[in-house]
Amino acid sequence: EGVWALYGKKDEDNWECLNVGKCKDVGKEILYDLGCLYYVPFRKNGTEEYINQFKKKCGFKYQKDQVQEYLYPYIATKYHTLKFTYIHDKSDPKVEKEYAEKNKAIFWRNGRPYK
């Protein structure tokens, strides 16, 4: 159980906070995300514009109910180095939100599409 963050590097010097999440089984969720990062090809047939919680378009479209399966392959095309970080030992939405906002998590959507 807990809150995690995904960081990525496009160059040698700068880590960017990409996403933050909370769940009851962090290991299981990260294993699924890793599978999407490395084994699911990026597809360009999405129909929904991916907009983060900060009202910014993120550069790709996804199919409804397949967010991870589009998001993580997209991330894999943009970042050469990735790392997951364990943030907090409880699945706490307040901690998730504060961390994502403080670190300007590029793809974070607070658990649902931005409206």
PDB file of N, CA and C in Angstrom:
ATOM      1  N   GLU A   1       0.853  -1.183   0.000  1.00  0.00           N
ATOM      2  CA  GLU A   1       0.000   0.000   0.000  1.00  0.00           C
ATOM      3  C   GLU A   1       0.889   1.234   0.000  1.00  0.00           C
ATOM      4  N   GLY A   2       0.443   2.287  -0.707  1.00  0.00           N
ATOM      5  CA  GLY A   2       1.191   3.523  -0.618  1.00  0.00           C
ATOM      6  C   GLY A   2       1.015   4.451  -1.794  1.00  0.00           C
ATOM      7  N   VAL A   3       1.906   5.453  -1.822  1.00  0.00           N
ATOM      8  CA  VAL A   3       1.955   6.454  -2.880  1.00  0.00           C
ATOM      9  C   VAL A   3       3.315   6.327  -3.549  1.00  0.00           C
ATOM     10  N   TRP A   4       3.328   6.372  -4.873  1.00  0.00           N
ATOM     11  CA  TRP A   4       4.562   6.246  -5.655  1.00  0.00           C
ATOM     12  C   TRP A   4       4.634   7.366  -6.685  1.00  0.00           C
ATOM     13  N   ALA A   5       5.842   7.584  -7.204  1.00  0.00           N
ATOM     14  CA  ALA A   5       6.035   8.558  -8.277  1.00  0.00           C
ATOM     15  C   ALA A   5       6.919   7.937  -9.344  1.00  0.00           C
ATOM     16  N   LEU A   6       6.685   8.320 -10.581  1.00  0.00           N
ATOM     17  CA  LEU A   6       7.518   7.898 -11.703  1.00  0.00           C
ATOM     18  C   LEU A   6       8.276   9.117 -12.208  1.00  0.00           C
ATOM     19  N   TYR A   7       9.583   8.970 -12.331  1.00  0.00           N
ATOM     20  CA  TYR A   7      10.450  10.021 -12.858  1.00  0.00           C
ATOM     21  C   TYR A   7      11.084   9.547 -14.155  1.00  0.00           C
ATOM     22  N   GLY A   8      11.384  10.488 -15.026  1.00  0.00           N
ATOM     23  CA  GLY A   8      12.038  10.155 -16.285  1.00  0.00           C
ATOM     24  C   GLY A   8      13.092  11.179 -16.654  1.00  0.00           C
ATOM     25  N   LYS A   9      14.050  10.734 -17.480  1.00  0.00           N
ATOM     26  CA  LYS A   9      15.103  11.610 -18.003  1.00  0.00           C
ATOM     27  C   LYS A   9      15.065  11.592 -19.516  1.00  0.00           C
ATOM     28  N   LYS A  10      15.136  12.784 -20.110  1.00  0.00           N
ATOM     29  CA  LYS A  10      15.291  12.909 -21.556  1.00  0.00           C
ATOM     30  C   LYS A  10      16.759  13.140 -21.901  1.00  0.00           C
ATOM     31  N   ASP A  11      17.496  13.727 -20.965  1.00  0.00           N
ATOM     32  CA  ASP A  11      18.926  13.962 -21.158  1.00  0.00           C
ATOM     33  C   ASP A  11      19.666  13.465 -19.917  1.00  0.00           C
ATOM     34  N   GLU A  12      20.937  13.720 -19.844  1.00  0.00           N
ATOM     35  CA  GLU A  12      21.751  13.179 -18.746  1.00  0.00           C
ATOM     36  C   GLU A  12      21.543  13.870 -17.410  1.00  0.00           C
ATOM     37  N   ASP A  13      21.026  15.093 -17.387  1.00  0.00           N
ATOM     38  CA  ASP A  13      21.032  15.870 -16.160  1.00  0.00           C
ATOM     39  C   ASP A  13      19.700  16.005 -15.434  1.00  0.00           C
ATOM     40  N   ASN A  14      18.603  15.986 -16.137  1.00  0.00           N
ATOM     41  CA  ASN A  14      17.352  16.418 -15.523  1.00  0.00           C
ATOM     42  C   ASN A  14      16.313  15.318 -15.366  1.00  0.00           C
ATOM     43  N   TRP A  15      15.957  15.010 -14.120  1.00  0.00           N
ATOM     44  CA  TRP A  15      14.837  14.123 -13.831  1.00  0.00           C
ATOM     45  C   TRP A  15      13.569  14.960 -13.830  1.00  0.00           C
ATOM     46  N   GLU A  16      12.510  14.454 -14.463  1.00  0.00           N
ATOM     47  CA  GLU A  16      11.205  15.109 -14.442  1.00  0.00           C
ATOM     48  C   GLU A  16      10.207  14.177 -13.766  1.00  0.00           C
ATOM     49  N   CYS A  17       9.344  14.734 -12.932  1.00  0.00           N
ATOM     50  CA  CYS A  17       8.288  13.941 -12.325  1.00  0.00           C
ATOM     51  C   CYS A  17       7.218  13.723 -13.388  1.00  0.00           C
ATOM     52  N   LEU A  18       6.955  12.469 -13.712  1.00  0.00           N
ATOM     53  CA  LEU A  18       6.020  12.146 -14.786  1.00  0.00           C
ATOM     54  C   LEU A  18       4.622  11.827 -14.272  1.00  0.00           C
ATOM     55  N   ASN A  19       4.560  11.047 -13.209  1.00  0.00           N
ATOM     56  CA  ASN A  19       3.250  10.629 -12.719  1.00  0.00           C
ATOM     57  C   ASN A  19       3.354  10.295 -11.238  1.00  0.00           C
ATOM     58  N   VAL A  20       2.229  10.382 -10.544  1.00  0.00           N
ATOM     59  CA  VAL A  20       2.132  10.032  -9.132  1.00  0.00           C
ATOM     60  C   VAL A  20       0.861   9.220  -8.983  1.00  0.00           C
ATOM     61  N   GLY A  21       0.923   8.190  -8.152  1.00  0.00           N
ATOM     62  CA  GLY A  21      -0.264   7.373  -7.954  1.00  0.00           C
ATOM     63  C   GLY A  21      -0.343   6.832  -6.545  1.00  0.00           C
ATOM     64  N   LYS A  22      -1.525   6.384  -6.197  1.00  0.00           N
ATOM     65  CA  LYS A  22      -1.742   5.734  -4.908  1.00  0.00           C
ATOM     66  C   LYS A  22      -2.485   4.439  -5.168  1.00  0.00           C
ATOM     67  N   CYS A  23      -2.222   3.417  -4.360  1.00  0.00           N
ATOM     68  CA  CYS A  23      -2.946   2.156  -4.528  1.00  0.00           C
ATOM     69  C   CYS A  23      -2.729   1.269  -3.313  1.00  0.00           C
ATOM     70  N   LYS A  24      -3.490   0.205  -3.259  1.00  0.00           N
ATOM     71  CA  LYS A  24      -3.389  -0.756  -2.164  1.00  0.00           C
ATOM     72  C   LYS A  24      -2.248  -1.746  -2.377  1.00  0.00           C
ATOM     73  N   ASP A  25      -1.794  -1.933  -3.626  1.00  0.00           N
ATOM     74  CA  ASP A  25      -0.700  -2.862  -3.921  1.00  0.00           C
ATOM     75  C   ASP A  25       0.268  -2.196  -4.906  1.00  0.00           C
ATOM     76  N   VAL A  26       1.217  -1.446  -4.360  1.00  0.00           N
ATOM     77  CA  VAL A  26       2.156  -0.677  -5.181  1.00  0.00           C
ATOM     78  C   VAL A  26       2.955  -1.599  -6.098  1.00  0.00           C
ATOM     79  N   GLY A  27       3.433  -2.718  -5.571  1.00  0.00           N
ATOM     80  CA  GLY A  27       4.230  -3.640  -6.381  1.00  0.00           C
ATOM     81  C   GLY A  27       3.473  -4.137  -7.600  1.00  0.00           C
ATOM     82  N   LYS A  28       2.237  -4.548  -7.405  1.00  0.00           N
ATOM     83  CA  LYS A  28       1.422  -5.050  -8.516  1.00  0.00           C
ATOM     84  C   LYS A  28       1.186  -3.955  -9.560  1.00  0.00           C
ATOM     85  N   GLU A  29       0.889  -2.738  -9.099  1.00  0.00           N
ATOM     86  CA  GLU A  29       0.630  -1.642 -10.034  1.00  0.00           C
ATOM     87  C   GLU A  29       1.891  -1.290 -10.831  1.00  0.00           C
ATOM     88  N   ILE A  30       3.024  -1.221 -10.163  1.00  0.00           N
ATOM     89  CA  ILE A  30       4.269  -0.884 -10.862  1.00  0.00           C
ATOM     90  C   ILE A  30       4.662  -1.985 -11.837  1.00  0.00           C
ATOM     91  N   LEU A  31       4.451  -3.234 -11.475  1.00  0.00           N
ATOM     92  CA  LEU A  31       4.736  -4.322 -12.423  1.00  0.00           C
ATOM     93  C   LEU A  31       3.872  -4.189 -13.678  1.00  0.00           C
ATOM     94  N   TYR A  32       2.605  -3.838 -13.514  1.00  0.00           N
ATOM     95  CA  TYR A  32       1.735  -3.638 -14.681  1.00  0.00           C
ATOM     96  C   TYR A  32       2.231  -2.462 -15.516  1.00  0.00           C
ATOM     97  N   ASP A  33       2.586  -1.363 -14.841  1.00  0.00           N
ATOM     98  CA  ASP A  33       3.093  -0.182 -15.549  1.00  0.00           C
ATOM     99  C   ASP A  33       4.375  -0.520 -16.316  1.00  0.00           C
ATOM    100  N   LEU A  34       5.263  -1.283 -15.699  1.00  0.00           N
ATOM    101  CA  LEU A  34       6.496  -1.701 -16.383  1.00  0.00           C
ATOM    102  C   LEU A  34       6.180  -2.529 -17.622  1.00  0.00           C
ATOM    103  N   GLY A  35       5.198  -3.404 -17.507  1.00  0.00           N
ATOM    104  CA  GLY A  35       4.780  -4.187 -18.670  1.00  0.00           C
ATOM    105  C   GLY A  35       4.304  -3.283 -19.797  1.00  0.00           C
ATOM    106  N   CYS A  36       3.531  -2.262 -19.453  1.00  0.00           N
ATOM    107  CA  CYS A  36       3.060  -1.304 -20.472  1.00  0.00           C
ATOM    108  C   CYS A  36       4.218  -0.496 -21.047  1.00  0.00           C
ATOM    109  N   LEU A  37       5.189  -0.132 -20.200  1.00  0.00           N
ATOM    110  CA  LEU A  37       6.342   0.646 -20.657  1.00  0.00           C
ATOM    111  C   LEU A  37       7.186  -0.124 -21.662  1.00  0.00           C
ATOM    112  N   TYR A  38       7.404  -1.389 -21.398  1.00  0.00           N
ATOM    113  CA  TYR A  38       8.396  -2.133 -22.173  1.00  0.00           C
ATOM    114  C   TYR A  38       7.842  -3.167 -23.150  1.00  0.00           C
ATOM    115  N   TYR A  39       6.571  -3.531 -23.008  1.00  0.00           N
ATOM    116  CA  TYR A  39       6.044  -4.598 -23.865  1.00  0.00           C
ATOM    117  C   TYR A  39       4.817  -4.223 -24.682  1.00  0.00           C
ATOM    118  N   VAL A  40       4.246  -3.056 -24.442  1.00  0.00           N
ATOM    119  CA  VAL A  40       3.090  -2.612 -25.220  1.00  0.00           C
ATOM    120  C   VAL A  40       3.574  -1.524 -26.177  1.00  0.00           C
ATOM    121  N   PRO A  41       3.398  -1.709 -27.472  1.00  0.00           N
ATOM    122  CA  PRO A  41       3.846  -0.675 -28.417  1.00  0.00           C
ATOM    123  C   PRO A  41       2.944   0.556 -28.339  1.00  0.00           C
ATOM    124  N   PHE A  42       3.546   1.721 -28.590  1.00  0.00           N
ATOM    125  CA  PHE A  42       2.752   2.951 -28.621  1.00  0.00           C
ATOM    126  C   PHE A  42       1.873   2.937 -29.865  1.00  0.00           C
ATOM    127  N   ARG A  43       0.588   3.219 -29.663  1.00  0.00           N
ATOM    128  CA  ARG A  43      -0.376   3.246 -30.760  1.00  0.00           C
ATOM    129  C   ARG A  43      -0.871   4.664 -30.965  1.00  0.00           C
ATOM    130  N   LYS A  44      -1.166   5.010 -32.197  1.00  0.00           N
ATOM    131  CA  LYS A  44      -1.639   6.349 -32.523  1.00  0.00           C
ATOM    132  C   LYS A  44      -3.121   6.366 -32.882  1.00  0.00           C
ATOM    133  N   ASN A  45      -3.856   5.340 -32.473  1.00  0.00           N
ATOM    134  CA  ASN A  45      -5.273   5.257 -32.822  1.00  0.00           C
ATOM    135  C   ASN A  45      -6.199   5.708 -31.692  1.00  0.00           C
ATOM    136  N   GLY A  46      -5.678   6.453 -30.724  1.00  0.00           N
ATOM    137  CA  GLY A  46      -6.504   6.950 -29.636  1.00  0.00           C
ATOM    138  C   GLY A  46      -7.513   7.988 -30.112  1.00  0.00           C
ATOM    139  N   THR A  47      -8.587   8.137 -29.373  1.00  0.00           N
ATOM    140  CA  THR A  47      -9.646   9.082 -29.737  1.00  0.00           C
ATOM    141  C   THR A  47      -9.837  10.188 -28.704  1.00  0.00           C
ATOM    142  N   GLU A  48      -9.335  10.006 -27.499  1.00  0.00           N
ATOM    143  CA  GLU A  48      -9.502  10.973 -26.412  1.00  0.00           C
ATOM    144  C   GLU A  48      -8.180  11.710 -26.180  1.00  0.00           C
ATOM    145  N   GLU A  49      -8.203  13.031 -26.204  1.00  0.00           N
ATOM    146  CA  GLU A  49      -7.012  13.833 -25.932  1.00  0.00           C
ATOM    147  C   GLU A  49      -6.619  13.670 -24.467  1.00  0.00           C
ATOM    148  N   TYR A  50      -5.347  13.353 -24.210  1.00  0.00           N
ATOM    149  CA  TYR A  50      -4.870  13.212 -22.835  1.00  0.00           C
ATOM    150  C   TYR A  50      -4.494  14.593 -22.312  1.00  0.00           C
ATOM    151  N   ILE A  51      -5.237  15.059 -21.309  1.00  0.00           N
ATOM    152  CA  ILE A  51      -5.004  16.366 -20.693  1.00  0.00           C
ATOM    153  C   ILE A  51      -4.732  16.123 -19.209  1.00  0.00           C
ATOM    154  N   ASN A  52      -3.620  16.683 -18.707  1.00  0.00           N
ATOM    155  CA  ASN A  52      -3.279  16.447 -17.307  1.00  0.00           C
ATOM    156  C   ASN A  52      -4.117  17.322 -16.369  1.00  0.00           C
ATOM    157  N   GLN A  53      -3.908  17.157 -15.077  1.00  0.00           N
ATOM    158  CA  GLN A  53      -4.684  17.877 -14.074  1.00  0.00           C
ATOM    159  C   GLN A  53      -4.393  19.381 -14.085  1.00  0.00           C
ATOM    160  N   PHE A  54      -3.309  19.779 -14.743  1.00  0.00           N
ATOM    161  CA  PHE A  54      -2.932  21.184 -14.816  1.00  0.00           C
ATOM    162  C   PHE A  54      -3.409  21.831 -16.115  1.00  0.00           C
ATOM    163  N   LYS A  55      -4.356  21.173 -16.794  1.00  0.00           N
ATOM    164  CA  LYS A  55      -5.010  21.665 -18.017  1.00  0.00           C
ATOM    165  C   LYS A  55      -4.092  21.685 -19.235  1.00  0.00           C
ATOM    166  N   LYS A  56      -3.045  20.880 -19.232  1.00  0.00           N
ATOM    167  CA  LYS A  56      -2.110  20.858 -20.365  1.00  0.00           C
ATOM    168  C   LYS A  56      -2.307  19.589 -21.190  1.00  0.00           C
ATOM    169  N   LYS A  57      -2.374  19.759 -22.514  1.00  0.00           N
ATOM    170  CA  LYS A  57      -2.406  18.606 -23.410  1.00  0.00           C
ATOM    171  C   LYS A  57      -1.032  17.953 -23.372  1.00  0.00           C
ATOM    172  N   CYS A  58      -1.029  16.633 -23.342  1.00  0.00           N
ATOM    173  CA  CYS A  58       0.225  15.906 -23.157  1.00  0.00           C
ATOM    174  C   CYS A  58       0.807  15.328 -24.444  1.00  0.00           C
ATOM    175  N   GLY A  59       0.156  15.541 -25.585  1.00  0.00           N
ATOM    176  CA  GLY A  59       0.763  15.168 -26.853  1.00  0.00           C
ATOM    177  C   GLY A  59       0.338  13.840 -27.449  1.00  0.00           C
ATOM    178  N   PHE A  60      -0.658  13.196 -26.860  1.00  0.00           N
ATOM    179  CA  PHE A  60      -1.140  11.941 -27.436  1.00  0.00           C
ATOM    180  C   PHE A  60      -2.608  11.739 -27.090  1.00  0.00           C
ATOM    181  N   LYS A  61      -3.217  10.795 -27.776  1.00  0.00           N
ATOM    182  CA  LYS A  61      -4.608  10.418 -27.521  1.00  0.00           C
ATOM    183  C   LYS A  61      -4.659   8.971 -27.067  1.00  0.00           C
ATOM    184  N   TYR A  62      -5.696   8.631 -26.343  1.00  0.00           N
ATOM    185  CA  TYR A  62      -5.882   7.285 -25.813  1.00  0.00           C
ATOM    186  C   TYR A  62      -7.307   6.821 -26.065  1.00  0.00           C
ATOM    187  N   GLN A  63      -7.522   5.531 -25.886  1.00  0.00           N
ATOM    188  CA  GLN A  63      -8.867   4.963 -25.952  1.00  0.00           C
ATOM    189  C   GLN A  63      -9.432   4.900 -24.534  1.00  0.00           C
ATOM    190  N   LYS A  64     -10.706   5.206 -24.395  1.00  0.00           N
ATOM    191  CA  LYS A  64     -11.366   5.131 -23.094  1.00  0.00           C
ATOM    192  C   LYS A  64     -11.132   3.749 -22.482  1.00  0.00           C
ATOM    193  N   ASP A  65     -10.896   3.704 -21.185  1.00  0.00           N
ATOM    194  CA  ASP A  65     -10.650   2.469 -20.429  1.00  0.00           C
ATOM    195  C   ASP A  65      -9.313   1.806 -20.761  1.00  0.00           C
ATOM    196  N   GLN A  66      -8.414   2.498 -21.460  1.00  0.00           N
ATOM    197  CA  GLN A  66      -7.085   1.959 -21.763  1.00  0.00           C
ATOM    198  C   GLN A  66      -6.004   3.014 -21.509  1.00  0.00           C
ATOM    199  N   VAL A  67      -6.159   3.772 -20.461  1.00  0.00           N
ATOM    200  CA  VAL A  67      -5.255   4.889 -20.213  1.00  0.00           C
ATOM    201  C   VAL A  67      -3.815   4.413 -20.033  1.00  0.00           C
ATOM    202  N   GLN A  68      -3.570   3.472 -19.134  1.00  0.00           N
ATOM    203  CA  GLN A  68      -2.195   3.005 -18.888  1.00  0.00           C
ATOM    204  C   GLN A  68      -1.583   2.404 -20.150  1.00  0.00           C
ATOM    205  N   GLU A  69      -2.393   1.726 -20.929  1.00  0.00           N
ATOM    206  CA  GLU A  69      -1.898   1.041 -22.123  1.00  0.00           C
ATOM    207  C   GLU A  69      -1.513   2.015 -23.239  1.00  0.00           C
ATOM    208  N   TYR A  70      -1.914   3.276 -23.122  1.00  0.00           N
ATOM    209  CA  TYR A  70      -1.484   4.324 -24.057  1.00  0.00           C
ATOM    210  C   TYR A  70      -0.447   5.245 -23.399  1.00  0.00           C
ATOM    211  N   LEU A  71      -0.676   5.592 -22.141  1.00  0.00           N
ATOM    212  CA  LEU A  71       0.214   6.521 -21.442  1.00  0.00           C
ATOM    213  C   LEU A  71       1.634   5.980 -21.321  1.00  0.00           C
ATOM    214  N   TYR A  72       1.796   4.772 -20.803  1.00  0.00           N
ATOM    215  CA  TYR A  72       3.148   4.283 -20.529  1.00  0.00           C
ATOM    216  C   TYR A  72       3.940   3.965 -21.797  1.00  0.00           C
ATOM    217  N   PRO A  73       3.349   3.417 -22.836  1.00  0.00           N
ATOM    218  CA  PRO A  73       4.107   3.295 -24.085  1.00  0.00           C
ATOM    219  C   PRO A  73       4.511   4.666 -24.653  1.00  0.00           C
ATOM    220  N   TYR A  74       3.658   5.679 -24.480  1.00  0.00           N
ATOM    221  CA  TYR A  74       4.017   7.029 -24.921  1.00  0.00           C
ATOM    222  C   TYR A  74       5.226   7.529 -24.127  1.00  0.00           C
ATOM    223  N   ILE A  75       5.183   7.362 -22.809  1.00  0.00           N
ATOM    224  CA  ILE A  75       6.307   7.766 -21.965  1.00  0.00           C
ATOM    225  C   ILE A  75       7.590   7.079 -22.415  1.00  0.00           C
ATOM    226  N   ALA A  76       7.494   5.797 -22.747  1.00  0.00           N
ATOM    227  CA  ALA A  76       8.676   5.035 -23.174  1.00  0.00           C
ATOM    228  C   ALA A  76       9.289   5.594 -24.457  1.00  0.00           C
ATOM    229  N   THR A  77       8.489   6.260 -25.289  1.00  0.00           N
ATOM    230  CA  THR A  77       9.035   6.858 -26.518  1.00  0.00           C
ATOM    231  C   THR A  77       9.727   8.190 -26.244  1.00  0.00           C
ATOM    232  N   LYS A  78       9.484   8.805 -25.105  1.00  0.00           N
ATOM    233  CA  LYS A  78       9.993  10.149 -24.815  1.00  0.00           C
ATOM    234  C   LYS A  78      11.152  10.184 -23.809  1.00  0.00           C
ATOM    235  N   TYR A  79      11.258   9.185 -22.956  1.00  0.00           N
ATOM    236  CA  TYR A  79      12.246   9.200 -21.869  1.00  0.00           C
ATOM    237  C   TYR A  79      13.140   7.969 -21.952  1.00  0.00           C
ATOM    238  N   HIS A  80      14.464   8.180 -21.883  1.00  0.00           N
ATOM    239  CA  HIS A  80      15.398   7.057 -22.012  1.00  0.00           C
ATOM    240  C   HIS A  80      15.712   6.386 -20.679  1.00  0.00           C
ATOM    241  N   THR A  81      15.495   7.069 -19.568  1.00  0.00           N
ATOM    242  CA  THR A  81      15.755   6.504 -18.256  1.00  0.00           C
ATOM    243  C   THR A  81      14.552   6.787 -17.365  1.00  0.00           C
ATOM    244  N   LEU A  82      14.088   5.770 -16.656  1.00  0.00           N
ATOM    245  CA  LEU A  82      12.912   5.895 -15.798  1.00  0.00           C
ATOM    246  C   LEU A  82      13.206   5.316 -14.428  1.00  0.00           C
ATOM    247  N   LYS A  83      12.547   5.859 -13.405  1.00  0.00           N
ATOM    248  CA  LYS A  83      12.643   5.265 -12.066  1.00  0.00           C
ATOM    249  C   LYS A  83      11.352   5.510 -11.304  1.00  0.00           C
ATOM    250  N   PHE A  84      10.955   4.504 -10.555  1.00  0.00           N
ATOM    251  CA  PHE A  84       9.818   4.630  -9.653  1.00  0.00           C
ATOM    252  C   PHE A  84      10.359   4.914  -8.258  1.00  0.00           C
ATOM    253  N   THR A  85       9.663   5.768  -7.523  1.00  0.00           N
ATOM    254  CA  THR A  85      10.056   6.119  -6.166  1.00  0.00           C
ATOM    255  C   THR A  85       8.859   5.914  -5.242  1.00  0.00           C
ATOM    256  N   TYR A  86       9.117   5.254  -4.115  1.00  0.00           N
ATOM    257  CA  TYR A  86       8.084   5.036  -3.110  1.00  0.00           C
ATOM    258  C   TYR A  86       8.030   6.272  -2.210  1.00  0.00           C
ATOM    259  N   ILE A  87       6.864   6.905  -2.109  1.00  0.00           N
ATOM    260  CA  ILE A  87       6.721   8.199  -1.445  1.00  0.00           C
ATOM    261  C   ILE A  87       6.162   8.093  -0.025  1.00  0.00           C
ATOM    262  N   HIS A  88       5.143   7.243   0.142  1.00  0.00           N
ATOM    263  CA  HIS A  88       4.392   7.212   1.408  1.00  0.00           C
ATOM    264  C   HIS A  88       3.832   5.807   1.620  1.00  0.00           C
ATOM    265  N   ASP A  89       3.719   5.377   2.864  1.00  0.00           N
ATOM    266  CA  ASP A  89       3.330   4.001   3.152  1.00  0.00           C
ATOM    267  C   ASP A  89       1.826   3.758   3.299  1.00  0.00           C
ATOM    268  N   LYS A  90       1.009   4.738   2.981  1.00  0.00           N
ATOM    269  CA  LYS A  90      -0.453   4.578   2.963  1.00  0.00           C
ATOM    270  C   LYS A  90      -0.988   5.091   1.635  1.00  0.00           C
ATOM    271  N   SER A  91      -2.088   4.514   1.165  1.00  0.00           N
ATOM    272  CA  SER A  91      -2.726   4.958  -0.073  1.00  0.00           C
ATOM    273  C   SER A  91      -3.551   6.203   0.245  1.00  0.00           C
ATOM    274  N   ASP A  92      -2.876   7.344   0.280  1.00  0.00           N
ATOM    275  CA  ASP A  92      -3.459   8.584   0.771  1.00  0.00           C
ATOM    276  C   ASP A  92      -3.638   9.597  -0.368  1.00  0.00           C
ATOM    277  N   PRO A  93      -4.890   9.918  -0.736  1.00  0.00           N
ATOM    278  CA  PRO A  93      -5.118  10.847  -1.849  1.00  0.00           C
ATOM    279  C   PRO A  93      -4.566  12.249  -1.590  1.00  0.00           C
ATOM    280  N   LYS A  94      -4.532  12.677  -0.352  1.00  0.00           N
ATOM    281  CA  LYS A  94      -3.993  14.001  -0.021  1.00  0.00           C
ATOM    282  C   LYS A  94      -2.487  14.045  -0.289  1.00  0.00           C
ATOM    283  N   VAL A  95      -1.768  13.015   0.125  1.00  0.00           N
ATOM    284  CA  VAL A  95      -0.324  12.941  -0.110  1.00  0.00           C
ATOM    285  C   VAL A  95      -0.044  12.870  -1.605  1.00  0.00           C
ATOM    286  N   GLU A  96      -0.828  12.060  -2.325  1.00  0.00           N
ATOM    287  CA  GLU A  96      -0.664  11.952  -3.779  1.00  0.00           C
ATOM    288  C   GLU A  96      -0.818  13.316  -4.440  1.00  0.00           C
ATOM    289  N   LYS A  97      -1.887  14.012  -4.119  1.00  0.00           N
ATOM    290  CA  LYS A  97      -2.177  15.312  -4.743  1.00  0.00           C
ATOM    291  C   LYS A  97      -1.100  16.338  -4.411  1.00  0.00           C
ATOM    292  N   GLU A  98      -0.728  16.430  -3.157  1.00  0.00           N
ATOM    293  CA  GLU A  98       0.297  17.403  -2.747  1.00  0.00           C
ATOM    294  C   GLU A  98       1.626  17.135  -3.450  1.00  0.00           C
ATOM    295  N   TYR A  99       2.015  15.865  -3.524  1.00  0.00           N
ATOM    296  CA  TYR A  99       3.291  15.518  -4.163  1.00  0.00           C
ATOM    297  C   TYR A  99       3.246  15.832  -5.658  1.00  0.00           C
ATOM    298  N   ALA A 100       2.148  15.464  -6.308  1.00  0.00           N
ATOM    299  CA  ALA A 100       2.013  15.705  -7.746  1.00  0.00           C
ATOM    300  C   ALA A 100       2.036  17.199  -8.058  1.00  0.00           C
ATOM    301  N   GLU A 101       1.347  17.984  -7.263  1.00  0.00           N
ATOM    302  CA  GLU A 101       1.326  19.427  -7.491  1.00  0.00           C
ATOM    303  C   GLU A 101       2.685  20.053  -7.208  1.00  0.00           C
ATOM    304  N   LYS A 102       3.303  19.674  -6.103  1.00  0.00           N
ATOM    305  CA  LYS A 102       4.610  20.230  -5.734  1.00  0.00           C
ATOM    306  C   LYS A 102       5.669  19.918  -6.793  1.00  0.00           C
ATOM    307  N   ASN A 103       5.611  18.718  -7.359  1.00  0.00           N
ATOM    308  CA  ASN A 103       6.625  18.270  -8.319  1.00  0.00           C
ATOM    309  C   ASN A 103       6.180  18.423  -9.771  1.00  0.00           C
ATOM    310  N   LYS A 104       5.020  19.040  -9.989  1.00  0.00           N
ATOM    311  CA  LYS A 104       4.493  19.308 -11.335  1.00  0.00           C
ATOM    312  C   LYS A 104       4.514  18.053 -12.210  1.00  0.00           C
ATOM    313  N   ALA A 105       3.904  16.987 -11.700  1.00  0.00           N
ATOM    314  CA  ALA A 105       3.875  15.703 -12.401  1.00  0.00           C
ATOM    315  C   ALA A 105       3.205  15.860 -13.771  1.00  0.00           C
ATOM    316  N   ILE A 106       3.957  15.655 -14.810  1.00  0.00           N
ATOM    317  CA  ILE A 106       3.554  15.967 -16.180  1.00  0.00           C
ATOM    318  C   ILE A 106       2.285  15.244 -16.626  1.00  0.00           C
ATOM    319  N   PHE A 107       2.129  13.971 -16.279  1.00  0.00           N
ATOM    320  CA  PHE A 107       0.998  13.183 -16.772  1.00  0.00           C
ATOM    321  C   PHE A 107      -0.054  12.885 -15.696  1.00  0.00           C
ATOM    322  N   TRP A 108       0.071  13.470 -14.521  1.00  0.00           N
ATOM    323  CA  TRP A 108      -0.845  13.183 -13.413  1.00  0.00           C
ATOM    324  C   TRP A 108      -2.231  13.757 -13.678  1.00  0.00           C
ATOM    325  N   ARG A 109      -3.262  12.946 -13.368  1.00  0.00           N
ATOM    326  CA  ARG A 109      -4.644  13.392 -13.585  1.00  0.00           C
ATOM    327  C   ARG A 109      -5.546  13.180 -12.381  1.00  0.00           C
ATOM    328  N   ASN A 110      -5.008  12.971 -11.223  1.00  0.00           N
ATOM    329  CA  ASN A 110      -5.817  12.838  -9.998  1.00  0.00           C
ATOM    330  C   ASN A 110      -6.869  11.739 -10.109  1.00  0.00           C
ATOM    331  N   GLY A 111      -6.514  10.652 -10.785  1.00  0.00           N
ATOM    332  CA  GLY A 111      -7.371   9.482 -10.833  1.00  0.00           C
ATOM    333  C   GLY A 111      -8.472   9.475 -11.879  1.00  0.00           C
ATOM    334  N   ARG A 112      -8.610  10.552 -12.644  1.00  0.00           N
ATOM    335  CA  ARG A 112      -9.670  10.597 -13.654  1.00  0.00           C
ATOM    336  C   ARG A 112      -9.312  11.619 -14.722  1.00  0.00           C
ATOM    337  N   PRO A 113      -9.960  11.541 -15.884  1.00  0.00           N
ATOM    338  CA  PRO A 113      -9.685  12.511 -16.941  1.00  0.00           C
ATOM    339  C   PRO A 113      -9.979  13.933 -16.486  1.00  0.00           C
ATOM    340  N   TYR A 114      -9.194  14.866 -16.963  1.00  0.00           N
ATOM    341  CA  TYR A 114      -9.428  16.279 -16.665  1.00  0.00           C
ATOM    342  C   TYR A 114     -10.664  16.759 -17.420  1.00  0.00           C
ATOM    343  N   LYS A 115     -11.507  17.510 -16.750  1.00  0.00           N
ATOM    344  CA  LYS A 115     -12.708  18.080 -17.387  1.00  0.00           C
ATOM    345  C   LYS A 115     -12.736  19.567 -17.150  1.00  0.00           C
TER     346      LYS A 115
END
